[in-house]
N, C-alpha and C. Protein backbone atom coordinates (compact mmCIF):
# COMPACT_ATOMS: atom_id res chain seq x y z
N MET A 1 -0.05 13.47 -25.30
CA MET A 1 -0.24 12.10 -25.73
C MET A 1 1.08 11.58 -26.27
N GLN A 2 1.40 10.34 -25.93
CA GLN A 2 2.61 9.70 -26.42
C GLN A 2 2.21 8.49 -27.25
N LEU A 3 3.05 8.15 -28.23
CA LEU A 3 2.75 7.02 -29.11
C LEU A 3 3.75 5.89 -28.87
N THR A 4 3.33 4.68 -29.12
CA THR A 4 4.18 3.50 -29.03
C THR A 4 3.71 2.52 -30.10
N SER A 5 4.45 1.45 -30.29
CA SER A 5 4.10 0.46 -31.32
C SER A 5 4.00 -0.93 -30.71
N LEU A 6 3.26 -1.77 -31.36
CA LEU A 6 3.14 -3.17 -30.97
C LEU A 6 4.18 -3.97 -31.74
N SER A 7 4.98 -4.77 -31.02
CA SER A 7 6.02 -5.56 -31.70
C SER A 7 5.42 -6.84 -32.29
N SER A 8 6.21 -7.54 -33.06
CA SER A 8 5.74 -8.80 -33.66
C SER A 8 5.46 -9.86 -32.60
N LYS A 9 6.01 -9.68 -31.39
CA LYS A 9 5.77 -10.61 -30.28
C LYS A 9 4.59 -10.16 -29.41
N GLY A 10 3.92 -9.08 -29.81
CA GLY A 10 2.79 -8.59 -29.03
C GLY A 10 3.20 -7.72 -27.86
N GLN A 11 4.44 -7.24 -27.85
CA GLN A 11 4.93 -6.41 -26.76
C GLN A 11 4.72 -4.93 -27.06
N VAL A 12 4.43 -4.17 -26.00
CA VAL A 12 4.25 -2.73 -26.10
C VAL A 12 5.22 -2.08 -25.13
N ILE A 13 5.89 -1.03 -25.57
CA ILE A 13 6.78 -0.29 -24.69
C ILE A 13 5.98 0.86 -24.08
N ILE A 14 5.92 0.88 -22.76
CA ILE A 14 5.26 1.98 -22.06
C ILE A 14 6.30 3.08 -21.91
N PRO A 15 5.98 4.30 -22.33
CA PRO A 15 6.96 5.39 -22.26
C PRO A 15 7.57 5.54 -20.87
N LYS A 16 8.85 5.86 -20.84
CA LYS A 16 9.61 5.94 -19.59
C LYS A 16 8.97 6.88 -18.58
N ALA A 17 8.51 8.04 -19.01
CA ALA A 17 7.90 9.00 -18.09
C ALA A 17 6.69 8.40 -17.38
N MET A 18 5.90 7.62 -18.10
CA MET A 18 4.72 6.97 -17.49
C MET A 18 5.15 5.89 -16.51
N ARG A 19 6.15 5.09 -16.87
CA ARG A 19 6.64 4.05 -15.96
C ARG A 19 7.19 4.67 -14.69
N GLU A 20 7.96 5.73 -14.83
CA GLU A 20 8.55 6.38 -13.65
C GLU A 20 7.47 7.01 -12.78
N ALA A 21 6.47 7.63 -13.38
CA ALA A 21 5.39 8.27 -12.61
C ALA A 21 4.63 7.24 -11.78
N ARG A 22 4.53 6.02 -12.28
CA ARG A 22 3.80 4.96 -11.57
C ARG A 22 4.72 4.04 -10.78
N HIS A 23 6.01 4.31 -10.82
CA HIS A 23 7.01 3.49 -10.12
C HIS A 23 6.98 2.04 -10.62
N TRP A 24 6.75 1.86 -11.92
CA TRP A 24 6.77 0.53 -12.53
C TRP A 24 8.18 0.27 -13.02
N GLN A 25 8.77 -0.80 -12.54
CA GLN A 25 10.12 -1.18 -12.94
C GLN A 25 10.07 -2.50 -13.68
N ALA A 26 11.20 -2.89 -14.25
CA ALA A 26 11.26 -4.19 -14.93
C ALA A 26 10.80 -5.27 -13.96
N GLY A 27 9.93 -6.12 -14.41
CA GLY A 27 9.43 -7.20 -13.57
C GLY A 27 8.10 -6.89 -12.89
N THR A 28 7.65 -5.64 -12.97
CA THR A 28 6.35 -5.29 -12.38
C THR A 28 5.27 -6.11 -13.08
N ARG A 29 4.46 -6.80 -12.30
CA ARG A 29 3.38 -7.61 -12.88
C ARG A 29 2.15 -6.73 -13.04
N LEU A 30 1.53 -6.83 -14.22
CA LEU A 30 0.38 -5.99 -14.55
C LEU A 30 -0.82 -6.86 -14.91
N GLU A 31 -1.98 -6.47 -14.41
CA GLU A 31 -3.24 -7.09 -14.80
C GLU A 31 -3.71 -6.37 -16.06
N VAL A 32 -4.10 -7.12 -17.08
CA VAL A 32 -4.55 -6.56 -18.35
C VAL A 32 -6.05 -6.78 -18.47
N THR A 33 -6.80 -5.69 -18.64
CA THR A 33 -8.26 -5.76 -18.74
C THR A 33 -8.71 -5.09 -20.03
N ASP A 34 -9.58 -5.76 -20.78
CA ASP A 34 -10.14 -5.20 -22.00
C ASP A 34 -11.37 -4.38 -21.61
N THR A 35 -11.37 -3.09 -21.93
CA THR A 35 -12.50 -2.22 -21.62
C THR A 35 -13.06 -1.64 -22.91
N ALA A 36 -14.19 -0.97 -22.81
CA ALA A 36 -14.80 -0.34 -23.98
C ALA A 36 -13.90 0.76 -24.55
N GLU A 37 -13.11 1.40 -23.68
CA GLU A 37 -12.24 2.49 -24.11
C GLU A 37 -10.89 1.99 -24.63
N GLY A 38 -10.51 0.78 -24.30
CA GLY A 38 -9.20 0.24 -24.70
C GLY A 38 -8.70 -0.76 -23.68
N VAL A 39 -7.40 -0.88 -23.59
CA VAL A 39 -6.77 -1.84 -22.69
C VAL A 39 -6.36 -1.10 -21.41
N LEU A 40 -6.70 -1.67 -20.26
CA LEU A 40 -6.36 -1.09 -18.96
C LEU A 40 -5.29 -1.95 -18.32
N LEU A 41 -4.20 -1.32 -17.86
CA LEU A 41 -3.13 -2.02 -17.14
C LEU A 41 -3.15 -1.58 -15.69
N ARG A 42 -3.15 -2.56 -14.78
CA ARG A 42 -3.10 -2.26 -13.34
C ARG A 42 -2.02 -3.12 -12.72
N PRO A 43 -1.18 -2.53 -11.86
CA PRO A 43 -0.15 -3.34 -11.20
C PRO A 43 -0.79 -4.30 -10.21
N ILE A 44 -0.19 -5.46 -10.08
CA ILE A 44 -0.64 -6.47 -9.12
C ILE A 44 0.24 -6.35 -7.89
N GLN A 45 -0.38 -6.21 -6.74
CA GLN A 45 0.38 -6.13 -5.49
C GLN A 45 0.85 -7.53 -5.13
N THR A 46 2.15 -7.73 -5.09
CA THR A 46 2.67 -9.07 -4.84
C THR A 46 3.45 -9.18 -3.54
N HIS A 47 3.34 -8.18 -2.66
CA HIS A 47 4.10 -8.26 -1.41
C HIS A 47 3.52 -9.37 -0.53
N ASN A 48 4.38 -10.00 0.19
CA ASN A 48 3.96 -11.09 1.08
C ASN A 48 3.54 -10.50 2.42
N LYS A 49 2.39 -10.91 2.88
CA LYS A 49 1.91 -10.43 4.17
C LYS A 49 2.46 -11.34 5.27
N ALA A 50 2.86 -10.72 6.36
CA ALA A 50 3.34 -11.48 7.51
C ALA A 50 2.13 -11.94 8.31
N PRO A 51 2.24 -13.08 8.97
CA PRO A 51 1.17 -13.49 9.88
C PRO A 51 0.95 -12.40 10.94
N LEU A 52 -0.28 -12.27 11.43
CA LEU A 52 -0.63 -11.19 12.34
C LEU A 52 0.31 -11.04 13.53
N PRO A 53 0.64 -12.10 14.28
CA PRO A 53 1.54 -11.89 15.42
C PRO A 53 2.90 -11.31 15.02
N GLU A 54 3.44 -11.77 13.90
CA GLU A 54 4.72 -11.24 13.43
C GLU A 54 4.58 -9.79 13.00
N GLY A 55 3.47 -9.47 12.34
CA GLY A 55 3.24 -8.10 11.90
C GLY A 55 3.09 -7.15 13.08
N LEU A 56 2.36 -7.59 14.10
CA LEU A 56 2.20 -6.76 15.29
C LEU A 56 3.53 -6.58 16.02
N ALA A 57 4.33 -7.63 16.07
CA ALA A 57 5.65 -7.53 16.71
C ALA A 57 6.52 -6.53 15.95
N ALA A 58 6.43 -6.53 14.64
CA ALA A 58 7.22 -5.59 13.84
C ALA A 58 6.78 -4.15 14.11
N ILE A 59 5.47 -3.94 14.24
CA ILE A 59 4.97 -2.60 14.53
C ILE A 59 5.44 -2.15 15.90
N ARG A 60 5.34 -3.04 16.89
CA ARG A 60 5.78 -2.68 18.24
C ARG A 60 7.26 -2.31 18.26
N SER A 61 8.07 -3.05 17.51
CA SER A 61 9.50 -2.75 17.51
C SER A 61 9.79 -1.41 16.84
N ARG A 62 8.98 -1.02 15.86
CA ARG A 62 9.19 0.27 15.17
C ARG A 62 8.83 1.44 16.06
N ILE A 63 7.81 1.31 16.89
CA ILE A 63 7.41 2.44 17.72
C ILE A 63 8.10 2.42 19.08
N ALA A 64 8.87 1.40 19.32
CA ALA A 64 9.68 1.29 20.54
C ALA A 64 8.86 1.39 21.81
N TYR A 65 7.66 0.83 21.82
CA TYR A 65 6.83 0.79 23.02
C TYR A 65 7.24 -0.42 23.84
N ALA A 66 7.68 -0.18 25.05
CA ALA A 66 8.15 -1.27 25.89
C ALA A 66 7.21 -1.55 27.06
N GLY A 67 6.08 -0.86 27.10
CA GLY A 67 5.16 -1.03 28.21
C GLY A 67 4.32 -2.29 28.08
N PRO A 68 3.41 -2.48 29.02
CA PRO A 68 2.55 -3.67 28.98
C PRO A 68 1.56 -3.60 27.82
N ILE A 69 1.10 -4.74 27.38
CA ILE A 69 0.10 -4.80 26.33
C ILE A 69 -1.24 -4.39 26.93
N ARG A 70 -1.93 -3.48 26.25
CA ARG A 70 -3.22 -2.97 26.73
C ARG A 70 -4.36 -3.49 25.86
N SER A 71 -5.52 -3.66 26.48
CA SER A 71 -6.70 -4.10 25.73
C SER A 71 -7.30 -2.89 25.02
N VAL A 72 -8.18 -3.15 24.07
CA VAL A 72 -8.86 -2.07 23.35
C VAL A 72 -9.68 -1.24 24.34
N GLU A 73 -10.31 -1.91 25.29
CA GLU A 73 -11.13 -1.20 26.28
C GLU A 73 -10.26 -0.25 27.11
N GLU A 74 -9.08 -0.71 27.51
CA GLU A 74 -8.17 0.15 28.28
C GLU A 74 -7.71 1.35 27.46
N MET A 75 -7.43 1.11 26.19
CA MET A 75 -7.01 2.22 25.32
C MET A 75 -8.13 3.22 25.13
N ASN A 76 -9.36 2.72 24.91
CA ASN A 76 -10.51 3.61 24.75
C ASN A 76 -10.73 4.45 26.00
N GLU A 77 -10.60 3.83 27.15
CA GLU A 77 -10.77 4.55 28.42
C GLU A 77 -9.71 5.64 28.57
N ALA A 78 -8.47 5.33 28.23
CA ALA A 78 -7.40 6.32 28.32
C ALA A 78 -7.62 7.48 27.36
N VAL A 79 -8.07 7.17 26.15
CA VAL A 79 -8.34 8.23 25.16
C VAL A 79 -9.48 9.13 25.67
N LEU A 80 -10.53 8.52 26.21
CA LEU A 80 -11.65 9.29 26.73
C LEU A 80 -11.22 10.20 27.88
N LYS A 81 -10.41 9.67 28.80
CA LYS A 81 -9.92 10.48 29.92
C LYS A 81 -9.09 11.66 29.41
N GLU A 82 -8.23 11.42 28.44
CA GLU A 82 -7.39 12.50 27.91
C GLU A 82 -8.25 13.53 27.19
N ALA A 83 -9.27 13.10 26.46
CA ALA A 83 -10.16 14.04 25.78
C ALA A 83 -10.90 14.90 26.79
N GLN A 84 -11.35 14.28 27.87
CA GLN A 84 -12.03 15.04 28.92
C GLN A 84 -11.08 16.03 29.58
N ARG A 85 -9.85 15.63 29.82
CA ARG A 85 -8.86 16.50 30.44
C ARG A 85 -8.59 17.71 29.54
N ARG A 86 -8.45 17.45 28.24
CA ARG A 86 -8.17 18.55 27.31
C ARG A 86 -9.35 19.49 27.15
N SER A 87 -10.57 18.97 27.23
CA SER A 87 -11.74 19.82 27.06
C SER A 87 -11.96 20.75 28.27
N GLN A 88 -11.38 20.41 29.42
CA GLN A 88 -11.51 21.22 30.62
C GLN A 88 -10.52 22.39 30.62
N ASN A 89 -9.53 22.34 29.77
CA ASN A 89 -8.52 23.41 29.72
C ASN A 89 -8.92 24.53 28.82
């Protein structure tokens, strides 16, 4: 257990080891919830989501797939064929 103090401005210092374990850095936004056991702090995810087409384009560029775009049905069929091929060996 570690101890800390409340400042005259209502600020609390979270011990360094706890901040590092949670990857909380200066500027991390935290949600504060009052619970029966005490105060709960949870980080708020503030990353910006890309629109779906841009996100999919980013994924395609990371995996370096240059082939044609396939439908879900085509992918399911290919997976099924490969599973059948492997089960015969």
